Amino acid sequence: MGKVTGFKEWPRALPDKRPVADRLRDWRELYQPQPRERVREQGGRCMDCGVPFCHQGCPLGNVIPEWNDLVYRGRWREAYLRLLCPAPCEGSCVLAINADAVSIEQIEKEIIERAFAEGWVQAQPPRTRSERSVAVVGSGPAGLAAAAQLNSAGHRVTVYEKAEQLGGLLRYGIPDFKLEKWVIDRRLALLEAEGVKFVTGAAIGERPTWRELRDTHDAVLIAIGAERPRELDVPGRELDGVHLAMDFLRLQNRAVGSDAPAASPLLATGKRVIILGGGDTGSDCLGTALRHGAASVQQIELLPAPPRSRDPGNPWPQWPVVWRSSTSHEEGGLRDFALQTKRLSGSDGKLSALHAVRVETVGQGEGGLRLVEQPGSELTLPVDLLILALGFVGPDTTALVDQLGVARDARGNVKIDRSFATNVEGVFAAGDAQRGASLIVWAIADGREAARAVDSYLREGAPSWLPTRGVDQPFGGR
């Protein structure tokens, strides 16, 4: 695979980034195009490692070493036909044991961009239709992945989205400097050309109801995500100046996308900003606040700072839980860890201070953790805008339960069996709606597997005229 000695000759190299001073003035993507020869070298770093552990880190079935080798040899079109989806995990790369992993994700991006530029990516409508109809509720990664597979299998697929535009959190939850929305629109146009129908502004549960939707389709796939936010339950939460991260990001993304001119972003301009939550969403809020021109930005995490290298309890090929700095952290702001918010205060109903205490994480039985407050560590931080990026607790299933009787699991997610089926005949679920808040790559994987299950359900006792090609067979390298 690649060049036998490539991993010794070429270090890991990622694309250059636009200067911080430039990218803080706009919302464009921050990475610059990578020279093709550099991509070729990165593909050549892939080792002939015998057992490709990178597959362990990718739930989508990518044959990663093969397209790395094809890129190294300049056979880009063949690499594109081997590419299933751009998002595997690099933590399982064999090189990552004691060196830098192969730049898998960036090579994938280069492959698909080359494929679009060369015109290799073309709409591939199914040759025949089954006349079976499927309603996919939600146009995020799980819903779109399932819709693409079911449509390719010949079923008539309609995707229902409650927002003004399609894409779910891909559009409204990820800032443009990380994902410009023309990337989503390009793929949506392809799906539409292949026959997928889209309905926006559709608040399923109101008009139509879930029962009406089920009665008018042969199957329904729930892909509504896990949008219920984890709240901050402390005195002073009601003060003006405390906002949820998704509200902050959604308003900004809508303003950049101009799909709702009347909606103005929640600006951090000139404000002292604190972000509670150290994950990707918190990082996105940091980059957004810096572009607004905040007076100061501080990101706070409840847990201690991760180690600089793998902990003994986090061995390879597991994803390495280690210290990382995002592109937003490179742009400015402060980070602090092991701080627990105790209360908020202000005057005239407006937030002005956050009161916290330092905590230590103490292990307890069966892998549990307990937070212990450190005496004398109390501190007060001035703040005008507090953004809660504390994660999500599950999907909003109220209407699903009331109108269809869909069962939930112990965590409040939609309960499914091994075939992604709910307890309601013909109703399935995929992605965060049944898994809980997770990564895009898992949503795509779930969407594909759920599509396979829906296809199987629709084909039980199928008449002779029904096409025999199912979603588990390849469709033009997609």
Protein backbone atom coordinates (compact mmCIF):
# COMPACT_ATOMS: atom_id res chain seq x y z
CA MET A 1 0.00 0.00 0.00
CA GLY A 2 1.31 3.45 -0.88
CA LYS A 3 5.10 3.67 -0.81
CA VAL A 4 6.84 1.08 1.34
CA THR A 5 9.05 3.68 3.04
CA GLY A 6 6.62 6.59 2.66
CA PHE A 7 5.84 6.90 6.36
CA LYS A 8 9.57 7.36 7.03
CA GLU A 9 10.13 9.89 4.26
CA TRP A 10 7.13 12.19 4.61
CA PRO A 11 5.72 13.63 7.84
CA ARG A 12 2.02 14.13 8.36
CA ALA A 13 0.95 17.34 6.59
CA LEU A 14 -2.42 19.05 6.74
CA PRO A 15 -3.60 21.88 4.46
CA ASP A 16 -2.49 25.41 5.21
CA LYS A 17 -4.91 27.65 7.06
CA ARG A 18 -5.77 31.22 6.25
CA PRO A 19 -4.10 33.72 8.61
CA VAL A 20 -6.07 34.28 11.82
CA ALA A 21 -6.37 38.02 11.18
CA ASP A 22 -8.00 37.33 7.81
CA ARG A 23 -10.40 34.58 8.82
CA LEU A 24 -11.72 36.49 11.84
CA ARG A 25 -13.08 39.09 9.41
CA ASP A 26 -15.42 36.73 7.55
CA TRP A 27 -17.30 33.41 7.73
CA ARG A 28 -15.51 31.55 4.95
CA GLU A 29 -13.86 28.18 5.47
CA LEU A 30 -10.44 28.54 7.02
CA TYR A 31 -8.51 25.81 5.15
CA GLN A 32 -6.74 26.54 1.88
CA PRO A 33 -6.53 24.13 -1.09
CA GLN A 34 -3.80 21.54 -0.69
CA PRO A 35 -1.27 20.95 -3.49
CA ARG A 36 -1.98 17.65 -5.24
CA GLU A 37 1.59 16.40 -4.83
CA ARG A 38 1.31 16.85 -1.06
CA VAL A 39 -1.89 14.79 -1.06
CA ARG A 40 -0.12 12.11 -3.07
CA GLU A 41 2.67 11.98 -0.49
CA GLN A 42 0.15 11.72 2.35
CA GLY A 43 -1.49 8.76 0.63
CA GLY A 44 1.96 7.23 0.28
CA ARG A 45 2.42 7.31 4.07
CA CYS A 46 -0.20 4.55 4.43
CA MET A 47 1.62 1.37 5.51
CA ASP A 48 1.05 -2.18 4.30
CA CYS A 49 0.22 -2.99 7.92
CA GLY A 50 -1.39 -6.39 7.34
CA VAL A 51 -4.35 -5.78 9.62
CA PRO A 52 -5.78 -2.33 8.76
CA PHE A 53 -6.90 -1.15 12.19
CA CYS A 54 -8.17 2.06 10.60
CA HIS A 55 -11.26 -0.01 9.69
CA GLN A 56 -11.91 -0.42 13.43
CA GLY A 57 -12.22 3.33 13.74
CA CYS A 58 -14.67 3.72 10.85
CA PRO A 59 -18.26 2.46 11.12
CA LEU A 60 -18.97 3.16 7.45
CA GLY A 61 -17.01 0.34 5.83
CA ASN A 62 -14.40 2.54 4.14
CA VAL A 63 -11.59 0.47 2.60
CA ILE A 64 -9.12 3.14 3.65
CA PRO A 65 -5.74 1.63 2.62
CA GLU A 66 -7.00 0.98 -0.91
CA TRP A 67 -7.90 4.55 -1.75
CA ASN A 68 -4.79 5.84 0.00
CA ASP A 69 -2.78 3.64 -2.37
CA LEU A 70 -4.81 4.78 -5.40
CA VAL A 71 -4.21 8.46 -4.54
CA TYR A 72 -0.48 7.81 -4.22
CA ARG A 73 -0.51 6.20 -7.67
CA GLY A 74 -2.49 9.05 -9.20
CA ARG A 75 -5.59 6.91 -9.87
CA TRP A 76 -8.03 9.44 -8.47
CA ARG A 77 -11.19 8.26 -10.19
CA GLU A 78 -10.73 4.74 -8.85
CA ALA A 79 -10.10 6.25 -5.41
CA TYR A 80 -13.42 8.10 -5.69
CA LEU A 81 -15.24 4.87 -6.53
CA ARG A 82 -13.76 3.35 -3.35
CA LEU A 83 -14.78 6.30 -1.20
CA LEU A 84 -17.99 5.74 0.78
CA CYS A 85 -18.15 8.80 2.98
CA PRO A 86 -15.62 11.41 4.14
CA ALA A 87 -15.37 10.97 7.90
CA PRO A 88 -13.42 8.06 9.37
CA CYS A 89 -11.42 8.21 12.55
CA GLU A 90 -7.62 8.50 12.44
CA GLY A 91 -7.06 7.33 16.01
CA SER A 92 -6.88 3.68 14.93
CA CYS A 93 -4.16 4.18 12.29
CA VAL A 94 -1.19 1.89 13.03
CA LEU A 95 1.18 4.83 12.59
CA ALA A 96 -0.61 6.54 15.49
CA ILE A 97 0.93 4.08 17.94
CA ASN A 98 4.19 6.03 18.06
CA ALA A 99 3.94 8.65 15.30
CA ASP A 100 1.48 10.89 13.49
CA ALA A 101 -1.43 9.10 11.81
CA VAL A 102 -2.02 9.16 8.08
CA SER A 103 -4.10 12.26 7.26
CA ILE A 104 -7.09 10.08 6.35
CA GLU A 105 -9.82 12.68 6.67
CA GLN A 106 -8.04 15.28 4.54
CA ILE A 107 -7.24 12.75 1.81
CA GLU A 108 -10.93 11.83 1.68
CA LYS A 109 -11.85 15.46 1.27
CA GLU A 110 -9.35 15.87 -1.56
CA ILE A 111 -10.73 12.79 -3.31
CA ILE A 112 -14.35 13.95 -3.30
CA GLU A 113 -13.46 17.52 -4.28
CA ARG A 114 -11.41 16.17 -7.20
CA ALA A 115 -14.37 13.96 -8.17
CA PHE A 116 -16.76 16.91 -8.28
CA ALA A 117 -14.25 19.07 -10.14
CA GLU A 118 -13.70 16.40 -12.79
CA GLY A 119 -17.42 15.80 -13.22
CA TRP A 120 -17.26 12.20 -12.00
CA VAL A 121 -20.06 12.75 -9.48
CA GLN A 122 -23.28 12.47 -11.45
CA ALA A 123 -26.91 11.86 -10.49
CA GLN A 124 -27.79 8.17 -10.70
CA PRO A 125 -31.59 7.76 -10.54
CA PRO A 126 -32.81 4.20 -10.00
CA ARG A 127 -33.68 2.30 -13.16
CA THR A 128 -37.07 1.22 -11.79
CA ARG A 129 -39.38 2.25 -8.97
CA SER A 130 -41.05 0.01 -6.39
CA GLU A 131 -44.06 2.31 -5.86
CA ARG A 132 -43.46 1.97 -2.11
CA SER A 133 -43.28 5.31 -0.30
CA VAL A 134 -41.05 6.19 2.63
CA ALA A 135 -41.23 9.31 4.78
CA VAL A 136 -37.89 10.34 6.28
CA VAL A 137 -38.36 12.92 9.04
CA GLY A 138 -35.24 15.02 9.48
CA SER A 139 -32.67 16.15 6.92
CA GLY A 140 -29.52 15.79 8.98
CA PRO A 141 -26.80 13.24 8.18
CA ALA A 142 -28.85 10.21 9.30
CA GLY A 143 -31.94 11.23 7.34
CA LEU A 144 -30.05 12.15 4.16
CA ALA A 145 -27.93 8.96 4.25
CA ALA A 146 -31.05 6.84 4.62
CA ALA A 147 -32.91 8.78 1.92
CA ALA A 148 -30.06 8.31 -0.56
CA GLN A 149 -29.94 4.55 0.03
CA LEU A 150 -33.71 4.01 -0.08
CA ASN A 151 -34.07 6.10 -3.21
CA SER A 152 -31.28 4.13 -4.89
CA ALA A 153 -33.18 0.95 -4.04
CA GLY A 154 -36.13 2.27 -6.05
CA HIS A 155 -38.47 3.44 -3.30
CA ARG A 156 -40.23 6.81 -3.43
CA VAL A 157 -38.63 8.88 -0.68
CA THR A 158 -39.83 12.17 0.77
CA VAL A 159 -37.69 13.97 3.36
CA TYR A 160 -39.55 16.26 5.75
CA GLU A 161 -37.65 19.08 7.47
CA LYS A 162 -39.11 21.50 10.02
CA ALA A 163 -36.63 24.31 9.28
CA GLU A 164 -36.59 26.73 6.34
CA GLN A 165 -33.65 24.95 4.70
CA LEU A 166 -32.37 21.40 4.57
CA GLY A 167 -29.37 19.97 6.37
CA GLY A 168 -30.35 19.88 10.04
CA LEU A 169 -27.48 20.67 12.37
CA LEU A 170 -25.09 20.45 9.42
CA ARG A 171 -26.61 23.73 8.26
CA TYR A 172 -27.71 25.38 11.48
CA GLY A 173 -25.31 23.97 14.08
CA ILE A 174 -21.93 24.13 12.33
CA PRO A 175 -20.46 27.57 11.53
CA ASP A 176 -19.59 28.37 7.93
CA PHE A 177 -15.92 28.74 8.78
CA LYS A 178 -15.93 24.97 9.39
CA LEU A 179 -18.50 23.94 6.76
CA GLU A 180 -19.61 26.33 4.06
CA LYS A 181 -23.18 25.54 3.14
CA TRP A 182 -22.64 25.21 -0.61
CA VAL A 183 -21.14 21.82 0.25
CA ILE A 184 -24.53 20.70 1.61
CA ASP A 185 -26.45 22.30 -1.27
CA ARG A 186 -24.28 20.49 -3.80
CA ARG A 187 -25.20 17.11 -2.33
CA LEU A 188 -28.86 18.03 -1.91
CA ALA A 189 -29.07 18.99 -5.59
CA LEU A 190 -27.67 15.57 -6.48
CA LEU A 191 -30.25 13.77 -4.31
CA GLU A 192 -33.05 15.83 -5.81
CA ALA A 193 -31.88 15.01 -9.33
CA GLU A 194 -31.95 11.34 -8.37
CA GLY A 195 -35.59 11.60 -7.34
CA VAL A 196 -35.64 12.34 -3.61
CA LYS A 197 -38.40 14.81 -2.71
CA PHE A 198 -37.91 17.43 -0.01
CA VAL A 199 -40.50 19.29 2.05
CA THR A 200 -39.31 22.14 4.29
CA GLY A 201 -41.21 23.96 7.02
CA ALA A 202 -42.88 20.66 7.93
CA ALA A 203 -43.41 20.45 11.67
CA ILE A 204 -44.36 16.78 11.90
CA GLY A 205 -46.57 16.28 14.92
CA GLU A 206 -48.55 19.41 14.17
CA ARG A 207 -49.34 19.43 10.45
CA PRO A 208 -49.31 16.64 9.52
CA THR A 209 -49.43 14.59 12.70
CA TRP A 210 -47.22 11.53 13.07
CA ARG A 211 -50.29 9.32 12.69
CA GLU A 212 -51.29 11.04 9.45
CA LEU A 213 -47.75 10.65 8.14
CA ARG A 214 -47.70 6.94 8.98
CA ASP A 215 -51.11 6.38 7.37
CA THR A 216 -50.00 7.95 4.06
CA HIS A 217 -46.64 6.16 3.66
CA ASP A 218 -45.57 2.53 3.57
CA ALA A 219 -42.82 3.23 6.11
CA VAL A 220 -41.58 6.10 8.26
CA LEU A 221 -38.00 6.72 9.39
CA ILE A 222 -37.48 8.98 12.40
CA ALA A 223 -34.23 10.95 12.08
CA ILE A 224 -35.05 14.02 14.16
CA GLY A 225 -31.76 14.20 16.04
CA ALA A 226 -31.31 14.82 19.76
CA GLU A 227 -32.02 18.51 20.12
CA ARG A 228 -33.09 18.72 23.77
CA PRO A 229 -30.27 20.69 25.42
CA ARG A 230 -28.73 19.91 28.79
CA GLU A 231 -29.61 22.84 31.04
CA LEU A 232 -27.72 24.70 33.76
CA ASP A 233 -29.70 24.30 36.96
CA VAL A 234 -28.33 27.05 39.17
CA PRO A 235 -29.74 30.22 40.74
CA GLY A 236 -29.71 33.11 38.27
CA ARG A 237 -30.31 31.01 35.15
CA GLU A 238 -33.25 33.27 34.28
CA LEU A 239 -31.09 36.40 33.95
CA ASP A 240 -30.93 38.19 30.61
CA GLY A 241 -27.65 37.27 28.94
CA VAL A 242 -27.80 33.48 29.39
CA HIS A 243 -28.34 31.61 26.12
CA LEU A 244 -28.16 28.08 24.75
CA ALA A 245 -25.33 27.32 22.33
CA MET A 246 -27.64 26.13 19.56
CA ASP A 247 -29.64 29.36 19.72
CA PHE A 248 -26.40 31.33 19.43
CA LEU A 249 -25.11 29.29 16.48
CA ARG A 250 -28.45 28.86 14.73
CA LEU A 251 -29.17 32.59 14.61
CA GLN A 252 -25.71 33.33 13.25
CA ASN A 253 -25.93 30.60 10.61
CA ARG A 254 -29.34 31.83 9.51
CA ALA A 255 -27.97 35.36 9.20
CA VAL A 256 -25.00 34.20 7.10
CA GLY A 257 -27.27 32.03 4.96
CA SER A 258 -29.82 34.85 4.52
CA ASP A 259 -32.69 32.36 4.70
CA ALA A 260 -34.40 34.45 7.36
CA PRO A 261 -33.50 38.13 6.88
CA ALA A 262 -35.70 39.17 9.80
CA ALA A 263 -33.63 37.06 12.20
CA SER A 264 -30.64 38.94 13.55
CA PRO A 265 -27.77 37.05 15.18
CA LEU A 266 -27.25 37.07 18.91
CA LEU A 267 -24.15 39.25 18.91
CA ALA A 268 -21.19 38.97 21.25
CA THR A 269 -19.71 42.25 20.02
CA GLY A 270 -17.94 44.13 22.82
CA LYS A 271 -19.14 41.68 25.46
CA ARG A 272 -17.35 39.60 28.06
CA VAL A 273 -18.27 36.08 26.96
CA ILE A 274 -18.06 32.82 28.89
CA ILE A 275 -18.81 29.49 27.24
CA LEU A 276 -19.68 26.56 29.49
CA GLY A 277 -18.66 23.32 27.79
CA GLY A 278 -15.34 22.22 26.34
CA GLY A 279 -16.53 20.19 23.36
CA ASP A 280 -16.85 20.91 19.65
CA THR A 281 -20.00 22.99 20.10
CA GLY A 282 -18.25 25.16 22.67
CA SER A 283 -15.33 25.58 20.29
CA ASP A 284 -17.73 26.64 17.51
CA CYS A 285 -19.22 29.24 19.84
CA LEU A 286 -15.72 30.48 20.64
CA GLY A 287 -14.89 31.03 16.96
CA THR A 288 -18.23 32.73 16.40
CA ALA A 289 -17.81 35.10 19.38
CA LEU A 290 -14.32 36.04 18.22
CA ARG A 291 -15.66 36.89 14.76
CA HIS A 292 -18.29 39.08 16.38
CA GLY A 293 -15.54 41.05 18.10
CA ALA A 294 -16.13 40.04 21.72
CA ALA A 295 -14.22 41.99 24.35
CA SER A 296 -13.05 38.68 25.86
CA VAL A 297 -13.95 35.01 25.55
CA GLN A 298 -13.35 32.23 28.05
CA GLN A 299 -14.29 28.57 27.60
CA ILE A 300 -14.83 26.57 30.78
CA GLU A 301 -15.02 22.79 31.21
CA LEU A 302 -16.34 20.96 34.28
CA LEU A 303 -13.89 18.06 33.97
CA PRO A 304 -10.10 18.31 34.35
CA ALA A 305 -7.88 19.00 31.36
CA PRO A 306 -7.19 15.84 29.32
CA PRO A 307 -3.64 14.40 29.36
CA ARG A 308 -1.08 15.38 26.74
CA SER A 309 -0.62 11.71 25.77
CA ARG A 310 -2.68 8.54 26.02
CA ASP A 311 -3.70 7.41 29.49
CA PRO A 312 -3.07 3.71 30.27
CA GLY A 313 -6.82 3.22 30.36
CA ASN A 314 -7.15 4.62 26.82
CA PRO A 315 -4.93 2.30 24.72
CA TRP A 316 -4.55 2.23 20.95
CA PRO A 317 -6.60 1.58 18.77
CA GLN A 318 -9.27 3.40 20.81
CA TRP A 319 -9.86 7.04 19.95
CA PRO A 320 -7.18 8.97 21.91
CA VAL A 321 -8.70 11.13 24.63
CA VAL A 322 -5.89 13.67 24.78
CA TRP A 323 -5.39 17.43 24.82
CA ARG A 324 -6.43 19.09 21.57
CA SER A 325 -6.66 22.64 20.36
CA SER A 326 -9.21 23.46 17.68
CA THR A 327 -8.80 26.09 14.98
CA SER A 328 -10.99 28.36 17.12
CA HIS A 329 -8.60 28.00 20.06
CA GLU A 330 -5.79 29.11 17.74
CA GLU A 331 -7.72 32.31 17.09
CA GLY A 332 -7.92 33.53 20.69
CA GLY A 333 -9.74 33.23 23.98
CA LEU A 334 -8.88 31.49 27.24
CA ARG A 335 -9.57 27.94 28.45
CA ASP A 336 -10.08 26.71 31.99
CA PHE A 337 -10.90 23.30 33.42
CA ALA A 338 -12.32 21.68 36.56
CA LEU A 339 -14.63 24.60 37.32
CA GLN A 340 -18.21 24.09 38.50
CA THR A 341 -20.74 26.92 38.21
CA LYS A 342 -22.60 27.46 41.49
CA ARG A 343 -24.73 30.50 40.73
CA LEU A 344 -25.17 33.53 38.47
CA SER A 345 -25.79 37.09 39.57
CA GLY A 346 -26.59 40.47 38.07
CA SER A 347 -28.60 43.63 38.48
CA ASP A 348 -31.83 44.87 36.90
CA GLY A 349 -32.39 41.39 35.53
CA LYS A 350 -29.15 41.37 33.52
CA LEU A 351 -26.28 38.95 33.98
CA SER A 352 -23.00 40.36 35.27
CA ALA A 353 -21.14 37.61 37.14
CA LEU A 354 -20.60 33.86 37.28
CA HIS A 355 -19.70 32.31 40.63
CA ALA A 356 -17.77 29.05 40.47
CA VAL A 357 -15.63 26.69 42.51
CA ARG A 358 -12.75 24.45 41.52
CA VAL A 359 -13.44 20.73 41.70
CA GLU A 360 -11.43 17.54 41.74
CA THR A 361 -12.60 14.38 39.99
CA VAL A 362 -12.49 11.36 42.30
CA GLY A 363 -13.08 7.82 41.12
CA GLN A 364 -15.63 5.60 42.78
CA GLY A 365 -16.99 2.09 42.36
CA GLU A 366 -17.51 0.50 38.91
CA GLY A 367 -15.90 3.29 36.93
CA GLY A 368 -18.00 6.10 38.37
CA LEU A 369 -16.71 9.60 39.02
CA ARG A 370 -17.48 12.08 41.75
CA LEU A 371 -16.76 15.82 41.81
CA VAL A 372 -15.30 17.14 45.07
CA GLU A 373 -15.24 20.90 45.68
CA GLN A 374 -11.88 22.31 46.71
CA PRO A 375 -12.12 24.46 49.87
CA GLY A 376 -11.16 28.10 49.40
CA SER A 377 -11.22 27.88 45.60
CA GLU A 378 -14.31 30.01 45.01
CA LEU A 379 -14.02 32.67 42.32
CA THR A 380 -16.18 35.23 40.56
CA LEU A 381 -15.91 35.89 36.83
CA PRO A 382 -17.41 38.97 35.15
CA VAL A 383 -19.65 38.07 32.22
CA ASP A 384 -22.15 39.78 29.92
CA LEU A 385 -23.00 36.80 27.70
CA LEU A 386 -23.04 33.23 29.02
CA ILE A 387 -23.38 30.50 26.37
CA LEU A 388 -24.43 27.03 27.51
CA ALA A 389 -22.72 24.37 25.39
CA LEU A 390 -23.40 21.51 27.79
CA GLY A 391 -24.49 18.91 25.27
CA PHE A 392 -27.85 17.29 24.60
CA VAL A 393 -30.02 14.89 26.56
CA GLY A 394 -32.03 13.32 23.75
CA PRO A 395 -34.75 13.86 21.14
CA ASP A 396 -38.07 15.60 21.63
CA THR A 397 -40.39 12.59 21.55
CA THR A 398 -43.54 14.07 23.09
CA ALA A 399 -45.62 14.04 19.89
CA LEU A 400 -44.23 10.66 18.85
CA VAL A 401 -45.38 9.08 22.09
CA ASP A 402 -48.76 10.84 22.16
CA GLN A 403 -49.68 10.28 18.51
CA LEU A 404 -48.04 6.97 17.64
CA GLY A 405 -47.27 5.35 20.98
CA VAL A 406 -43.57 5.02 20.15
CA ALA A 407 -41.65 3.50 23.06
CA ARG A 408 -38.60 5.15 24.59
CA ASP A 409 -35.54 3.65 26.22
CA ALA A 410 -34.27 4.40 29.72
CA ARG A 411 -32.48 7.55 28.49
CA GLY A 412 -35.53 8.93 26.68
CA ASN A 413 -34.35 8.07 23.17
CA VAL A 414 -36.56 6.31 20.63
CA LYS A 415 -36.35 2.60 21.44
CA ILE A 416 -35.45 0.30 18.54
CA ASP A 417 -34.63 -3.35 18.01
CA ARG A 418 -31.63 -4.72 16.11
CA SER A 419 -33.30 -3.87 12.79
CA PHE A 420 -33.80 -0.20 13.75
CA ALA A 421 -37.57 -0.84 14.07
CA THR A 422 -39.63 0.79 16.79
CA ASN A 423 -42.54 -0.91 18.54
CA VAL A 424 -44.88 0.64 15.95
CA GLU A 425 -45.42 -1.29 12.72
CA GLY A 426 -43.56 0.28 9.80
CA VAL A 427 -41.85 2.97 11.89
CA PHE A 428 -38.05 2.99 12.22
CA ALA A 429 -35.49 5.33 13.79
CA ALA A 430 -31.85 6.22 13.08
CA GLY A 431 -29.09 8.52 14.25
CA ASP A 432 -29.18 10.62 17.38
CA ALA A 433 -32.94 10.08 17.75
CA GLN A 434 -32.27 6.51 18.89
CA ARG A 435 -28.56 6.68 19.83
CA GLY A 436 -28.45 9.93 21.73
CA ALA A 437 -26.19 12.83 20.77
CA SER A 438 -23.19 11.46 18.91
CA LEU A 439 -20.93 12.03 15.91
CA ILE A 440 -21.94 12.69 12.31
CA VAL A 441 -20.14 9.53 11.20
CA TRP A 442 -22.35 7.40 13.44
CA ALA A 443 -25.47 9.17 12.20
CA ILE A 444 -24.51 8.33 8.60
CA ALA A 445 -23.76 4.71 9.52
CA ASP A 446 -27.10 4.41 11.34
CA GLY A 447 -28.95 5.98 8.43
CA ARG A 448 -27.52 3.43 6.03
CA GLU A 449 -28.23 0.45 8.26
CA ALA A 450 -31.75 1.70 8.96
CA ALA A 451 -32.31 2.09 5.21
CA ARG A 452 -31.31 -1.53 4.74
CA ALA A 453 -33.85 -2.54 7.39
CA VAL A 454 -36.63 -0.41 5.88
CA ASP A 455 -35.88 -1.83 2.42
CA SER A 456 -36.11 -5.37 3.79
CA TYR A 457 -39.41 -4.54 5.50
CA LEU A 458 -40.89 -3.12 2.30
CA ARG A 459 -39.82 -6.16 0.28
CA GLU A 460 -41.43 -8.79 2.48
CA GLY A 461 -44.02 -10.49 0.30
CA ALA A 462 -43.17 -8.10 -2.53
CA PRO A 463 -44.87 -8.74 -5.89
CA SER A 464 -42.84 -10.06 -8.82
CA TRP A 465 -42.54 -6.66 -10.47
CA LEU A 466 -40.58 -5.24 -7.52
CA PRO A 467 -36.88 -4.70 -8.40
CA THR A 468 -34.53 -7.11 -6.70
CA ARG A 469 -31.64 -4.72 -6.09
CA GLY A 470 -31.49 -3.77 -2.40
CA VAL A 471 -29.71 -1.04 -0.47
CA ASP A 472 -26.86 -3.34 0.50
CA GLN A 473 -25.59 -3.43 -3.08
CA PRO A 474 -23.25 -0.74 -4.50
CA PHE A 475 -24.64 2.21 -6.45
CA GLY A 476 -21.92 3.85 -8.50
CA GLY A 477 -19.33 4.02 -5.74
CA ARG A 478 -21.60 5.87 -3.36
